[in-house]
C-alpha atoms as a PDB file:
ATOM      1  CA  UNK A   1       0.000   0.000   0.000  1.00  0.00           C
ATOM      2  CA  UNK A   2       1.045   3.598  -0.494  1.00  0.00           C
ATOM      3  CA  UNK A   3       1.452   6.062   2.377  1.00  0.00           C
ATOM      4  CA  UNK A   4      -1.791   7.749   1.331  1.00  0.00           C
ATOM      5  CA  UNK A   5      -3.651   4.431   1.425  1.00  0.00           C
ATOM      6  CA  UNK A   6      -2.268   3.570   4.854  1.00  0.00           C
ATOM      7  CA  UNK A   7      -3.208   6.999   6.197  1.00  0.00           C
ATOM      8  CA  UNK A   8      -6.734   6.776   4.818  1.00  0.00           C
ATOM      9  CA  UNK A   9      -7.324   3.377   6.420  1.00  0.00           C
ATOM     10  CA  UNK A  10      -5.758   4.544   9.679  1.00  0.00           C
ATOM     11  CA  UNK A  11      -8.010   7.599   9.790  1.00  0.00           C
ATOM     12  CA  UNK A  12     -11.065   5.508   8.969  1.00  0.00           C
ATOM     13  CA  UNK A  13     -10.635   2.845  11.637  1.00  0.00           C
ATOM     14  CA  UNK A  14      -7.866   3.481  14.202  1.00  0.00           C
ATOM     15  CA  UNK A  15      -8.278   5.520  17.392  1.00  0.00           C
ATOM     16  CA  UNK A  16      -4.775   6.456  18.606  1.00  0.00           C
ATOM     17  CA  UNK A  17      -3.893   6.770  22.312  1.00  0.00           C
ATOM     18  CA  UNK A  18      -3.518  10.268  23.789  1.00  0.00           C
ATOM     19  CA  UNK A  19      -4.332  11.945  20.462  1.00  0.00           C
ATOM     20  CA  UNK A  20      -6.580  14.625  18.986  1.00  0.00           C
ATOM     21  CA  UNK A  21      -7.954  12.397  16.255  1.00  0.00           C
ATOM     22  CA  UNK A  22      -9.393  15.230  14.204  1.00  0.00           C
ATOM     23  CA  UNK A  23      -6.068  17.044  14.023  1.00  0.00           C
ATOM     24  CA  UNK A  24      -4.147  13.811  13.475  1.00  0.00           C
ATOM     25  CA  UNK A  25      -6.369  12.672  10.629  1.00  0.00           C
ATOM     26  CA  UNK A  26      -6.104  16.038   8.908  1.00  0.00           C
ATOM     27  CA  UNK A  27      -2.305  15.944   9.076  1.00  0.00           C
ATOM     28  CA  UNK A  28      -1.971  12.208   8.492  1.00  0.00           C
ATOM     29  CA  UNK A  29      -0.137   9.679  10.654  1.00  0.00           C
ATOM     30  CA  UNK A  30       3.503   8.825  10.096  1.00  0.00           C
ATOM     31  CA  UNK A  31       3.514   5.161   9.073  1.00  0.00           C
ATOM     32  CA  UNK A  32       6.468   3.239  10.536  1.00  0.00           C
ATOM     33  CA  UNK A  33       7.246   0.118   8.512  1.00  0.00           C
ATOM     34  CA  UNK A  34      10.621  -1.203   9.691  1.00  0.00           C
ATOM     35  CA  UNK A  35      13.151  -0.945  12.512  1.00  0.00           C
ATOM     36  CA  UNK A  36      16.700  -2.081  13.145  1.00  0.00           C
ATOM     37  CA  UNK A  37      19.139  -1.133  15.891  1.00  0.00           C
ATOM     38  CA  UNK A  38      18.273   2.444  16.865  1.00  0.00           C
ATOM     39  CA  UNK A  39      16.683   3.293  13.516  1.00  0.00           C
ATOM     40  CA  UNK A  40      13.137   3.417  12.160  1.00  0.00           C
ATOM     41  CA  UNK A  41      11.990   3.659   8.553  1.00  0.00           C
ATOM     42  CA  UNK A  42       8.675   5.184   7.519  1.00  0.00           C
ATOM     43  CA  UNK A  43       6.527   4.360   4.516  1.00  0.00           C
ATOM     44  CA  UNK A  44       8.191   7.124   2.497  1.00  0.00           C
ATOM     45  CA  UNK A  45      11.629   5.584   3.018  1.00  0.00           C
ATOM     46  CA  UNK A  46      12.887   8.088   5.600  1.00  0.00           C
ATOM     47  CA  UNK A  47      15.453   6.700   8.080  1.00  0.00           C
ATOM     48  CA  UNK A  48      14.894   8.095  11.569  1.00  0.00           C
ATOM     49  CA  UNK A  49      16.836   7.784  14.838  1.00  0.00           C
ATOM     50  CA  UNK A  50      14.416   6.516  17.486  1.00  0.00           C
ATOM     51  CA  UNK A  51      15.399   8.694  20.426  1.00  0.00           C
ATOM     52  CA  UNK A  52      12.399   7.463  22.432  1.00  0.00           C
ATOM     53  CA  UNK A  53      13.363   3.761  22.203  1.00  0.00           C
ATOM     54  CA  UNK A  54       9.806   3.043  21.082  1.00  0.00           C
ATOM     55  CA  UNK A  55       8.102   4.436  24.159  1.00  0.00           C
ATOM     56  CA  UNK A  56      11.005   4.126  26.617  1.00  0.00           C
ATOM     57  CA  UNK A  57      10.962   0.373  26.147  1.00  0.00           C
ATOM     58  CA  UNK A  58      13.220  -1.025  23.387  1.00  0.00           C
ATOM     59  CA  UNK A  59      16.186  -1.353  25.719  1.00  0.00           C
ATOM     60  CA  UNK A  60      18.194  -3.825  23.596  1.00  0.00           C
ATOM     61  CA  UNK A  61      17.362  -2.171  20.279  1.00  0.00           C
ATOM     62  CA  UNK A  62      15.365  -3.361  17.306  1.00  0.00           C
ATOM     63  CA  UNK A  63      16.057  -6.425  15.205  1.00  0.00           C
ATOM     64  CA  UNK A  64      17.382  -8.740  17.915  1.00  0.00           C
ATOM     65  CA  UNK A  65      17.030 -12.177  16.383  1.00  0.00           C
ATOM     66  CA  UNK A  66      17.442 -13.780  19.791  1.00  0.00           C
ATOM     67  CA  UNK A  67      14.078 -12.387  20.895  1.00  0.00           C
ATOM     68  CA  UNK A  68      12.307 -13.332  17.676  1.00  0.00           C
ATOM     69  CA  UNK A  69      13.705 -16.860  17.918  1.00  0.00           C
ATOM     70  CA  UNK A  70      12.591 -17.176  21.545  1.00  0.00           C
ATOM     71  CA  UNK A  71       9.046 -16.183  20.582  1.00  0.00           C
ATOM     72  CA  UNK A  72       9.014 -18.552  17.595  1.00  0.00           C
ATOM     73  CA  UNK A  73      10.218 -21.544  19.604  1.00  0.00           C
ATOM     74  CA  UNK A  74       7.717 -20.894  22.380  1.00  0.00           C
ATOM     75  CA  UNK A  75       4.799 -20.425  19.972  1.00  0.00           C
ATOM     76  CA  UNK A  76       5.609 -23.810  18.458  1.00  0.00           C
ATOM     77  CA  UNK A  77       5.937 -25.566  21.800  1.00  0.00           C
ATOM     78  CA  UNK A  78       3.326 -23.914  24.046  1.00  0.00           C
ATOM     79  CA  UNK A  79       1.729 -20.770  22.588  1.00  0.00           C
ATOM     80  CA  UNK A  80      -0.546 -20.255  25.573  1.00  0.00           C
ATOM     81  CA  UNK A  81      -1.677 -21.689  28.818  1.00  0.00           C
ATOM     82  CA  UNK A  82      -2.922 -19.854  31.872  1.00  0.00           C
ATOM     83  CA  UNK A  83      -1.358 -19.802  35.315  1.00  0.00           C
ATOM     84  CA  UNK A  84      -4.680 -20.214  37.119  1.00  0.00           C
ATOM     85  CA  UNK A  85      -5.964 -23.599  38.388  1.00  0.00           C
ATOM     86  CA  UNK A  86      -2.730 -24.722  40.060  1.00  0.00           C
ATOM     87  CA  UNK A  87      -0.738 -24.713  36.797  1.00  0.00           C
ATOM     88  CA  UNK A  88       2.507 -23.141  35.653  1.00  0.00           C
ATOM     89  CA  UNK A  89       4.980 -23.551  32.784  1.00  0.00           C
ATOM     90  CA  UNK A  90       8.771 -23.448  32.267  1.00  0.00           C
ATOM     91  CA  UNK A  91       9.066 -19.935  30.757  1.00  0.00           C
ATOM     92  CA  UNK A  92       7.406 -18.211  33.702  1.00  0.00           C
ATOM     93  CA  UNK A  93       9.389 -20.307  36.177  1.00  0.00           C
ATOM     94  CA  UNK A  94      12.656 -19.367  34.460  1.00  0.00           C
ATOM     95  CA  UNK A  95      11.672 -15.701  34.247  1.00  0.00           C
ATOM     96  CA  UNK A  96      10.777 -15.530  37.933  1.00  0.00           C
ATOM     97  CA  UNK A  97      14.124 -17.039  38.872  1.00  0.00           C
ATOM     98  CA  UNK A  98      15.979 -14.572  36.632  1.00  0.00           C
ATOM     99  CA  UNK A  99      14.097 -11.593  38.045  1.00  0.00           C
ATOM    100  CA  UNK A 100      15.026 -12.738  41.545  1.00  0.00           C
ATOM    101  CA  UNK A 101      18.671 -12.572  40.410  1.00  0.00           C
ATOM    102  CA  UNK A 102      18.592  -9.082  38.863  1.00  0.00           C
ATOM    103  CA  UNK A 103      16.323  -7.324  41.377  1.00  0.00           C
ATOM    104  CA  UNK A 104      17.718  -6.183  44.743  1.00  0.00           C
ATOM    105  CA  UNK A 105      18.023  -8.628  47.631  1.00  0.00           C
ATOM    106  CA  UNK A 106      14.705  -9.635  49.144  1.00  0.00           C
ATOM    107  CA  UNK A 107      12.686  -9.565  45.926  1.00  0.00           C
ATOM    108  CA  UNK A 108      11.873 -13.235  45.423  1.00  0.00           C
ATOM    109  CA  UNK A 109       8.242 -13.151  44.269  1.00  0.00           C
ATOM    110  CA  UNK A 110       6.647 -11.706  41.129  1.00  0.00           C
ATOM    111  CA  UNK A 111       3.083 -11.254  39.886  1.00  0.00           C
ATOM    112  CA  UNK A 112       2.610 -10.929  36.123  1.00  0.00           C
ATOM    113  CA  UNK A 113       0.376  -8.750  33.999  1.00  0.00           C
ATOM    114  CA  UNK A 114       0.499  -7.133  30.559  1.00  0.00           C
ATOM    115  CA  UNK A 115       1.508  -3.514  31.118  1.00  0.00           C
ATOM    116  CA  UNK A 116       2.668  -0.944  33.614  1.00  0.00           C
ATOM    117  CA  UNK A 117      -0.891   0.295  34.042  1.00  0.00           C
ATOM    118  CA  UNK A 118      -2.047  -3.174  35.049  1.00  0.00           C
ATOM    119  CA  UNK A 119       0.980  -3.479  37.286  1.00  0.00           C
ATOM    120  CA  UNK A 120       0.015  -0.390  39.244  1.00  0.00           C
ATOM    121  CA  UNK A 121      -3.565  -1.630  39.508  1.00  0.00           C
ATOM    122  CA  UNK A 122      -2.087  -4.835  40.913  1.00  0.00           C
ATOM    123  CA  UNK A 123      -0.033  -2.822  43.410  1.00  0.00           C
ATOM    124  CA  UNK A 124      -3.228  -1.401  44.888  1.00  0.00           C
ATOM    125  CA  UNK A 125      -4.620  -4.919  45.282  1.00  0.00           C
ATOM    126  CA  UNK A 126      -1.422  -6.211  46.869  1.00  0.00           C
ATOM    127  CA  UNK A 127      -1.127  -3.263  49.242  1.00  0.00           C
ATOM    128  CA  UNK A 128      -4.731  -3.669  50.383  1.00  0.00           C
ATOM    129  CA  UNK A 129      -4.327  -7.423  50.842  1.00  0.00           C
ATOM    130  CA  UNK A 130      -1.107  -6.981  52.799  1.00  0.00           C
ATOM    131  CA  UNK A 131      -2.643  -4.630  55.331  1.00  0.00           C
ATOM    132  CA  UNK A 132      -5.786  -6.761  55.534  1.00  0.00           C
ATOM    133  CA  UNK A 133      -3.862  -9.896  56.496  1.00  0.00           C
ATOM    134  CA  UNK A 134      -1.692  -7.837  58.857  1.00  0.00           C
ATOM    135  CA  UNK A 135      -4.843  -6.903  60.749  1.00  0.00           C
ATOM    136  CA  UNK A 136      -4.831  -3.239  59.702  1.00  0.00           C
ATOM    137  CA  UNK A 137      -7.566  -3.011  57.046  1.00  0.00           C
ATOM    138  CA  UNK A 138      -8.139   0.668  57.837  1.00  0.00           C
ATOM    139  CA  UNK A 139      -4.808   1.503  56.144  1.00  0.00           C
ATOM    140  CA  UNK A 140      -6.325   2.412  52.770  1.00  0.00           C
ATOM    141  CA  UNK A 141      -4.850   5.730  51.658  1.00  0.00           C
ATOM    142  CA  UNK A 142      -2.193   5.672  48.956  1.00  0.00           C
ATOM    143  CA  UNK A 143      -0.196   8.861  48.474  1.00  0.00           C
ATOM    144  CA  UNK A 144       1.166   9.785  45.056  1.00  0.00           C
ATOM    145  CA  UNK A 145       2.452  12.977  43.426  1.00  0.00           C
ATOM    146  CA  UNK A 146       1.064  15.689  41.218  1.00  0.00           C
ATOM    147  CA  UNK A 147       2.350  15.348  37.659  1.00  0.00           C
ATOM    148  CA  UNK A 148       3.314  11.741  38.305  1.00  0.00           C
ATOM    149  CA  UNK A 149       2.317   9.076  35.811  1.00  0.00           C
ATOM    150  CA  UNK A 150       1.259   5.560  36.764  1.00  0.00           C
ATOM    151  CA  UNK A 151      -0.745   4.422  33.740  1.00  0.00           C
ATOM    152  CA  UNK A 152      -4.041   5.073  32.040  1.00  0.00           C
ATOM    153  CA  UNK A 153      -6.504   2.660  33.629  1.00  0.00           C
ATOM    154  CA  UNK A 154      -8.938   4.155  36.134  1.00  0.00           C
ATOM    155  CA  UNK A 155      -6.704   3.148  39.044  1.00  0.00           C
ATOM    156  CA  UNK A 156      -3.445   4.061  37.316  1.00  0.00           C
ATOM    157  CA  UNK A 157      -4.893   7.334  36.098  1.00  0.00           C
ATOM    158  CA  UNK A 158      -6.048   8.174  39.613  1.00  0.00           C
ATOM    159  CA  UNK A 159      -2.625   7.360  41.043  1.00  0.00           C
ATOM    160  CA  UNK A 160      -1.060   9.647  38.473  1.00  0.00           C
ATOM    161  CA  UNK A 161      -1.345  13.322  39.242  1.00  0.00           C
ATOM    162  CA  UNK A 162      -2.148  14.605  35.765  1.00  0.00           C
ATOM    163  CA  UNK A 163      -5.242  16.787  35.775  1.00  0.00           C
ATOM    164  CA  UNK A 164      -5.969  16.496  32.060  1.00  0.00           C
ATOM    165  CA  UNK A 165      -6.388  12.739  32.538  1.00  0.00           C
ATOM    166  CA  UNK A 166      -8.587  13.141  35.606  1.00  0.00           C
ATOM    167  CA  UNK A 167     -10.929  15.434  33.643  1.00  0.00           C
ATOM    168  CA  UNK A 168     -11.847  12.630  31.223  1.00  0.00           C
ATOM    169  CA  UNK A 169     -12.338   9.886  33.809  1.00  0.00           C
ATOM    170  CA  UNK A 170     -15.906   8.967  34.820  1.00  0.00           C
ATOM    171  CA  UNK A 171     -14.788   8.413  38.395  1.00  0.00           C
ATOM    172  CA  UNK A 172     -11.629   8.059  40.446  1.00  0.00           C
ATOM    173  CA  UNK A 173     -10.477   5.401  42.867  1.00  0.00           C
ATOM    174  CA  UNK A 174     -11.110   6.387  46.467  1.00  0.00           C
ATOM    175  CA  UNK A 175      -8.377   6.924  49.052  1.00  0.00           C
ATOM    176  CA  UNK A 176      -5.741   8.214  46.631  1.00  0.00           C
ATOM    177  CA  UNK A 177      -4.259  11.629  47.422  1.00  0.00           C
ATOM    178  CA  UNK A 178      -1.371  13.658  46.016  1.00  0.00           C
ATOM    179  CA  UNK A 179       1.523  15.800  47.181  1.00  0.00           C
ATOM    180  CA  UNK A 180       3.771  18.085  45.116  1.00  0.00           C
ATOM    181  CA  UNK A 181       6.438  16.777  42.754  1.00  0.00           C
ATOM    182  CA  UNK A 182      10.178  17.320  43.449  1.00  0.00           C
ATOM    183  CA  UNK A 183      10.710  19.517  40.368  1.00  0.00           C
ATOM    184  CA  UNK A 184      13.538  21.818  41.441  1.00  0.00           C
ATOM    185  CA  UNK A 185      14.107  23.585  38.109  1.00  0.00           C
ATOM    186  CA  UNK A 186      10.429  24.333  37.598  1.00  0.00           C
ATOM    187  CA  UNK A 187       9.068  24.965  41.087  1.00  0.00           C
ATOM    188  CA  UNK A 188      11.878  26.034  43.436  1.00  0.00           C
ATOM    189  CA  UNK A 189      11.793  29.521  44.898  1.00  0.00           C
ATOM    190  CA  UNK A 190      14.680  32.022  44.584  1.00  0.00           C
ATOM    191  CA  UNK A 191      17.339  31.130  47.113  1.00  0.00           C
ATOM    192  CA  UNK A 192      16.341  27.464  47.389  1.00  0.00           C
ATOM    193  CA  UNK A 193      19.156  24.953  47.117  1.00  0.00           C
ATOM    194  CA  UNK A 194      18.470  21.581  45.498  1.00  0.00           C
ATOM    195  CA  UNK A 195      19.173  19.854  48.805  1.00  0.00           C
ATOM    196  CA  UNK A 196      16.762  21.996  50.821  1.00  0.00           C
ATOM    197  CA  UNK A 197      14.100  21.806  48.123  1.00  0.00           C
ATOM    198  CA  UNK A 198      14.356  18.019  47.952  1.00  0.00           C
ATOM    199  CA  UNK A 199      13.932  17.723  51.712  1.00  0.00           C
ATOM    200  CA  UNK A 200      10.997  20.133  51.752  1.00  0.00           C
ATOM    201  CA  UNK A 201       9.142  18.269  49.016  1.00  0.00           C
ATOM    202  CA  UNK A 202       9.782  14.919  50.693  1.00  0.00           C
ATOM    203  CA  UNK A 203       8.535  16.300  54.002  1.00  0.00           C
ATOM    204  CA  UNK A 204       5.188  17.033  52.366  1.00  0.00           C
ATOM    205  CA  UNK A 205       4.709  13.274  52.610  1.00  0.00           C
ATOM    206  CA  UNK A 206       5.071  13.402  56.386  1.00  0.00           C
ATOM    207  CA  UNK A 207       2.630  16.300  56.593  1.00  0.00           C
ATOM    208  CA  UNK A 208       0.067  14.405  54.503  1.00  0.00           C
ATOM    209  CA  UNK A 209       0.489  11.260  56.614  1.00  0.00           C
ATOM    210  CA  UNK A 210      -0.113  13.256  59.795  1.00  0.00           C
ATOM    211  CA  UNK A 211      -3.133  14.943  58.209  1.00  0.00           C
ATOM    212  CA  UNK A 212      -4.711  11.597  57.262  1.00  0.00           C
ATOM    213  CA  UNK A 213      -3.474   9.690  60.314  1.00  0.00           C
ATOM    214  CA  UNK A 214      -0.633   7.202  59.920  1.00  0.00           C
ATOM    215  CA  UNK A 215      -2.990   4.420  60.956  1.00  0.00           C
ATOM    216  CA  UNK A 216      -4.987   5.102  57.770  1.00  0.00           C
ATOM    217  CA  UNK A 217      -2.138   5.350  55.228  1.00  0.00           C
ATOM    218  CA  UNK A 218      -1.129   2.233  53.303  1.00  0.00           C
ATOM    219  CA  UNK A 219       1.563   3.271  50.833  1.00  0.00           C
ATOM    220  CA  UNK A 220       3.447   5.920  48.921  1.00  0.00           C
ATOM    221  CA  UNK A 221       4.101   5.391  45.205  1.00  0.00           C
ATOM    222  CA  UNK A 222       6.483   7.291  42.954  1.00  0.00           C
ATOM    223  CA  UNK A 223       8.607   6.981  39.851  1.00  0.00           C
ATOM    224  CA  UNK A 224      12.281   7.215  40.878  1.00  0.00           C
ATOM    225  CA  UNK A 225      12.486   9.862  38.167  1.00  0.00           C
ATOM    226  CA  UNK A 226       9.344  11.176  36.525  1.00  0.00           C
ATOM    227  CA  UNK A 227       9.025  10.006  32.942  1.00  0.00           C
ATOM    228  CA  UNK A 228       5.882  11.275  31.239  1.00  0.00           C
ATOM    229  CA  UNK A 229       5.872  14.265  33.589  1.00  0.00           C
ATOM    230  CA  UNK A 230       9.008  15.646  31.953  1.00  0.00           C
ATOM    231  CA  UNK A 231      11.964  13.375  32.803  1.00  0.00           C
ATOM    232  CA  UNK A 232      12.333  15.070  36.176  1.00  0.00           C
ATOM    233  CA  UNK A 233      15.201  13.877  38.369  1.00  0.00           C
ATOM    234  CA  UNK A 234      14.698  14.774  42.046  1.00  0.00           C
ATOM    235  CA  UNK A 235      17.418  16.318  44.216  1.00  0.00           C
ATOM    236  CA  UNK A 236      19.675  13.817  45.951  1.00  0.00           C
ATOM    237  CA  UNK A 237      18.055  14.467  49.333  1.00  0.00           C
ATOM    238  CA  UNK A 238      14.563  13.524  48.190  1.00  0.00           C
ATOM    239  CA  UNK A 239      14.375   9.742  48.126  1.00  0.00           C
ATOM    240  CA  UNK A 240      16.350   9.012  51.315  1.00  0.00           C
ATOM    241  CA  UNK A 241      13.947  11.302  53.185  1.00  0.00           C
ATOM    242  CA  UNK A 242      10.917   9.652  51.565  1.00  0.00           C
ATOM    243  CA  UNK A 243      12.201   6.262  52.701  1.00  0.00           C
ATOM    244  CA  UNK A 244      12.882   7.518  56.236  1.00  0.00           C
ATOM    245  CA  UNK A 245       9.325   8.824  56.510  1.00  0.00           C
ATOM    246  CA  UNK A 246       7.775   5.627  55.147  1.00  0.00           C
ATOM    247  CA  UNK A 247       9.715   3.499  57.616  1.00  0.00           C
ATOM    248  CA  UNK A 248       8.923   5.847  60.517  1.00  0.00           C
ATOM    249  CA  UNK A 249       5.162   5.633  59.952  1.00  0.00           C
ATOM    250  CA  UNK A 250       4.956   2.011  58.745  1.00  0.00           C
ATOM    251  CA  UNK A 251       3.992   2.938  55.184  1.00  0.00           C
ATOM    252  CA  UNK A 252       4.792   0.709  52.195  1.00  0.00           C
ATOM    253  CA  UNK A 253       7.097   2.286  49.605  1.00  0.00           C
ATOM    254  CA  UNK A 254       6.364   1.500  45.951  1.00  0.00           C
ATOM    255  CA  UNK A 255       8.784   2.251  43.105  1.00  0.00           C
ATOM    256  CA  UNK A 256       7.166   2.557  39.682  1.00  0.00           C
ATOM    257  CA  UNK A 257      10.040   1.277  37.533  1.00  0.00           C
ATOM    258  CA  UNK A 258       8.049   0.895  34.322  1.00  0.00           C
ATOM    259  CA  UNK A 259      10.302   3.418  32.544  1.00  0.00           C
ATOM    260  CA  UNK A 260      13.380   3.358  34.774  1.00  0.00           C
ATOM    261  CA  UNK A 261      13.806  -0.402  34.983  1.00  0.00           C
ATOM    262  CA  UNK A 262      16.223  -2.661  33.127  1.00  0.00           C
ATOM    263  CA  UNK A 263      19.191  -0.388  32.724  1.00  0.00           C
ATOM    264  CA  UNK A 264      17.870   3.010  31.774  1.00  0.00           C
ATOM    265  CA  UNK A 265      19.954   4.847  34.409  1.00  0.00           C
ATOM    266  CA  UNK A 266      22.974   2.543  34.369  1.00  0.00           C
ATOM    267  CA  UNK A 267      21.588   0.382  37.174  1.00  0.00           C
ATOM    268  CA  UNK A 268      19.202  -2.518  36.725  1.00  0.00           C
ATOM    269  CA  UNK A 269      16.541  -0.368  38.397  1.00  0.00           C
ATOM    270  CA  UNK A 270      16.443   3.401  38.789  1.00  0.00           C
ATOM    271  CA  UNK A 271      15.752   3.299  42.529  1.00  0.00           C
ATOM    272  CA  UNK A 272      19.251   1.834  42.952  1.00  0.00           C
ATOM    273  CA  UNK A 273      20.623   4.991  41.334  1.00  0.00           C
ATOM    274  CA  UNK A 274      18.769   7.106  43.926  1.00  0.00           C
ATOM    275  CA  UNK A 275      19.668   4.916  46.898  1.00  0.00           C
ATOM    276  CA  UNK A 276      16.360   3.779  48.363  1.00  0.00           C
ATOM    277  CA  UNK A 277      14.794   0.386  49.037  1.00  0.00           C
ATOM    278  CA  UNK A 278      11.156  -0.117  47.980  1.00  0.00           C
ATOM    279  CA  UNK A 279       8.721  -2.756  49.190  1.00  0.00           C
ATOM    280  CA  UNK A 280       7.143  -3.265  45.768  1.00  0.00           C
ATOM    281  CA  UNK A 281       8.434  -2.586  42.245  1.00  0.00           C
ATOM    282  CA  UNK A 282       6.268  -2.142  39.169  1.00  0.00           C
ATOM    283  CA  UNK A 283       7.981  -3.119  35.925  1.00  0.00           C
ATOM    284  CA  UNK A 284       7.060  -3.492  32.240  1.00  0.00           C
ATOM    285  CA  UNK A 285       8.484  -1.876  29.048  1.00  0.00           C
ATOM    286  CA  UNK A 286      12.146  -2.956  29.225  1.00  0.00           C
ATOM    287  CA  UNK A 287      11.169  -6.342  30.685  1.00  0.00           C
ATOM    288  CA  UNK A 288      10.724  -7.585  27.104  1.00  0.00           C
ATOM    289  CA  UNK A 289      12.295  -4.561  25.381  1.00  0.00           C
ATOM    290  CA  UNK A 290       8.817  -3.907  24.020  1.00  0.00           C
ATOM    291  CA  UNK A 291       8.905  -6.901  21.666  1.00  0.00           C
ATOM    292  CA  UNK A 292       5.760  -8.327  23.277  1.00  0.00           C
ATOM    293  CA  UNK A 293       3.520  -6.871  26.010  1.00  0.00           C
ATOM    294  CA  UNK A 294       4.353  -7.862  29.570  1.00  0.00           C
ATOM    295  CA  UNK A 295       4.370  -6.316  33.025  1.00  0.00           C
ATOM    296  CA  UNK A 296       5.158  -7.515  36.517  1.00  0.00           C
ATOM    297  CA  UNK A 297       5.188  -6.492  40.156  1.00  0.00           C
ATOM    298  CA  UNK A 298       8.179  -7.441  42.265  1.00  0.00           C
ATOM    299  CA  UNK A 299       7.184  -8.058  45.877  1.00  0.00           C
ATOM    300  CA  UNK A 300       9.724  -7.911  48.694  1.00  0.00           C
ATOM    301  CA  UNK A 301       9.777 -10.886  51.023  1.00  0.00           C
ATOM    302  CA  UNK A 302       8.513  -8.786  53.935  1.00  0.00           C
ATOM    303  CA  UNK A 303       5.314  -8.076  51.960  1.00  0.00           C
ATOM    304  CA  UNK A 304       5.028 -11.323  50.008  1.00  0.00           C
ATOM    305  CA  UNK A 305       5.323 -13.675  52.956  1.00  0.00           C
ATOM    306  CA  UNK A 306       2.198 -12.550  54.869  1.00  0.00           C
ATOM    307  CA  UNK A 307       0.149 -12.538  51.648  1.00  0.00           C
ATOM    308  CA  UNK A 308       1.327 -16.047  50.714  1.00  0.00           C
ATOM    309  CA  UNK A 309       0.594 -17.395  54.181  1.00  0.00           C
ATOM    310  CA  UNK A 310      -2.951 -16.045  54.468  1.00  0.00           C
ATOM    311  CA  UNK A 311      -5.097 -17.669  51.804  1.00  0.00           C
ATOM    312  CA  UNK A 312      -6.187 -16.813  48.301  1.00  0.00           C
ATOM    313  CA  UNK A 313      -5.196 -13.609  46.499  1.00  0.00           C
ATOM    314  CA  UNK A 314      -8.220 -12.929  44.305  1.00  0.00           C
ATOM    315  CA  UNK A 315      -6.620 -11.141  41.391  1.00  0.00           C
ATOM    316  CA  UNK A 316      -5.397 -12.252  37.977  1.00  0.00           C
ATOM    317  CA  UNK A 317      -5.595 -11.754  34.233  1.00  0.00           C
ATOM    318  CA  UNK A 318      -6.046 -14.166  31.340  1.00  0.00           C
ATOM    319  CA  UNK A 319      -2.529 -13.418  30.145  1.00  0.00           C
ATOM    320  CA  UNK A 320      -0.815 -13.302  33.554  1.00  0.00           C
ATOM    321  CA  UNK A 321       2.513 -14.991  32.896  1.00  0.00           C
ATOM    322  CA  UNK A 322       1.907 -15.570  29.170  1.00  0.00           C
ATOM    323  CA  UNK A 323       4.435 -18.224  28.028  1.00  0.00           C
ATOM    324  CA  UNK A 324       5.506 -16.416  24.843  1.00  0.00           C
ATOM    325  CA  UNK A 325       5.983 -13.114  26.669  1.00  0.00           C
ATOM    326  CA  UNK A 326       7.900 -14.903  29.419  1.00  0.00           C
ATOM    327  CA  UNK A 327      10.183 -16.645  26.912  1.00  0.00           C
ATOM    328  CA  UNK A 328      10.954 -13.318  25.228  1.00  0.00           C
ATOM    329  CA  UNK A 329      11.586 -11.688  28.618  1.00  0.00           C
ATOM    330  CA  UNK A 330      14.065 -14.434  29.556  1.00  0.00           C
ATOM    331  CA  UNK A 331      15.933 -13.960  26.271  1.00  0.00           C
ATOM    332  CA  UNK A 332      15.896 -10.188  26.773  1.00  0.00           C
ATOM    333  CA  UNK A 333      17.289 -10.389  30.311  1.00  0.00           C
ATOM    334  CA  UNK A 334      20.046 -12.683  29.070  1.00  0.00           C
ATOM    335  CA  UNK A 335      21.047 -10.076  26.478  1.00  0.00           C
ATOM    336  CA  UNK A 336      21.075  -7.304  29.086  1.00  0.00           C
ATOM    337  CA  UNK A 337      23.157  -9.461  31.421  1.00  0.00           C
ATOM    338  CA  UNK A 338      25.517 -11.274  29.064  1.00  0.00           C
ATOM    339  CA  UNK A 339      26.321  -8.296  26.833  1.00  0.00           C
ATOM    340  CA  UNK A 340      26.925  -5.991  29.807  1.00  0.00           C
ATOM    341  CA  UNK A 341      24.399  -3.514  28.450  1.00  0.00           C
ATOM    342  CA  UNK A 342      23.359  -2.153  31.851  1.00  0.00           C
ATOM    343  CA  UNK A 343      26.960  -1.512  32.866  1.00  0.00           C
ATOM    344  CA  UNK A 344      27.657   0.409  29.659  1.00  0.00           C
ATOM    345  CA  UNK A 345      24.789   2.883  30.024  1.00  0.00           C
END
């Protein structure tokens, strides 16, 4: 098909995410037809450097035959089976073991989904279940940040602090509140130092906990650095103070590593770059380098153990732990590890 034919069909039938469809259809979509390494080609033959790595996800680059071969072999052998009904399969077992190796000490258990949005929905379920089995079901509030991004489902969109998303949502999840972001270059006052600003923004968490009552607060969630909000790196004082406050008031600390995970900052996970220790980690994107959809939540032993020991966790998705996605993720992690990609960032 020609570019004009592709654009006409796209305009006739395809609703794009986060787009003004009227304006897009008038201008016409750019049709991407091929990719290799760091390059894309469009339907007019233009070669383009992909500075976004897809959507912050193609961590090993395009055209990796190892990932295509892993998918092909798995599709031939076991294209799908669920992980409900007391069943499992080798790819998800191998992936879980590999994730336990590359995540920080204490992360030995993983729940699988299909995206970062679903991962953050899952976090809310895990956090609620943890406090329920710990005998503190009143701990329901989750604190997030304005201009944070945690996905586009109702729960993820509520967790995120982006007003333009909230305006188009029919409702929001209860017990989610926000504090200010640690954006020094955009929001600091004259005379502020980065260190003082970072501490002040982190201490908003303590003020919000005291306002709500620590006995009612379940968790704080944040991206180690804000991605969709503008690639905002907090001052060095921010995350250590956040962790101190969470530990002081018995609040779970959740790192949304959907963008930062799998080497983007030169560590396996961005929270390692900032020097804090979360209780739960959301991951997706770089888990498979975007070759197939997959997400996961890493659960620290101190949170996983009570949940495991107290009956059924009533949450899951048809494609939780999809065997093809898991096989691709295993191959992807091997590339990141064996080629020293993380260390070279």
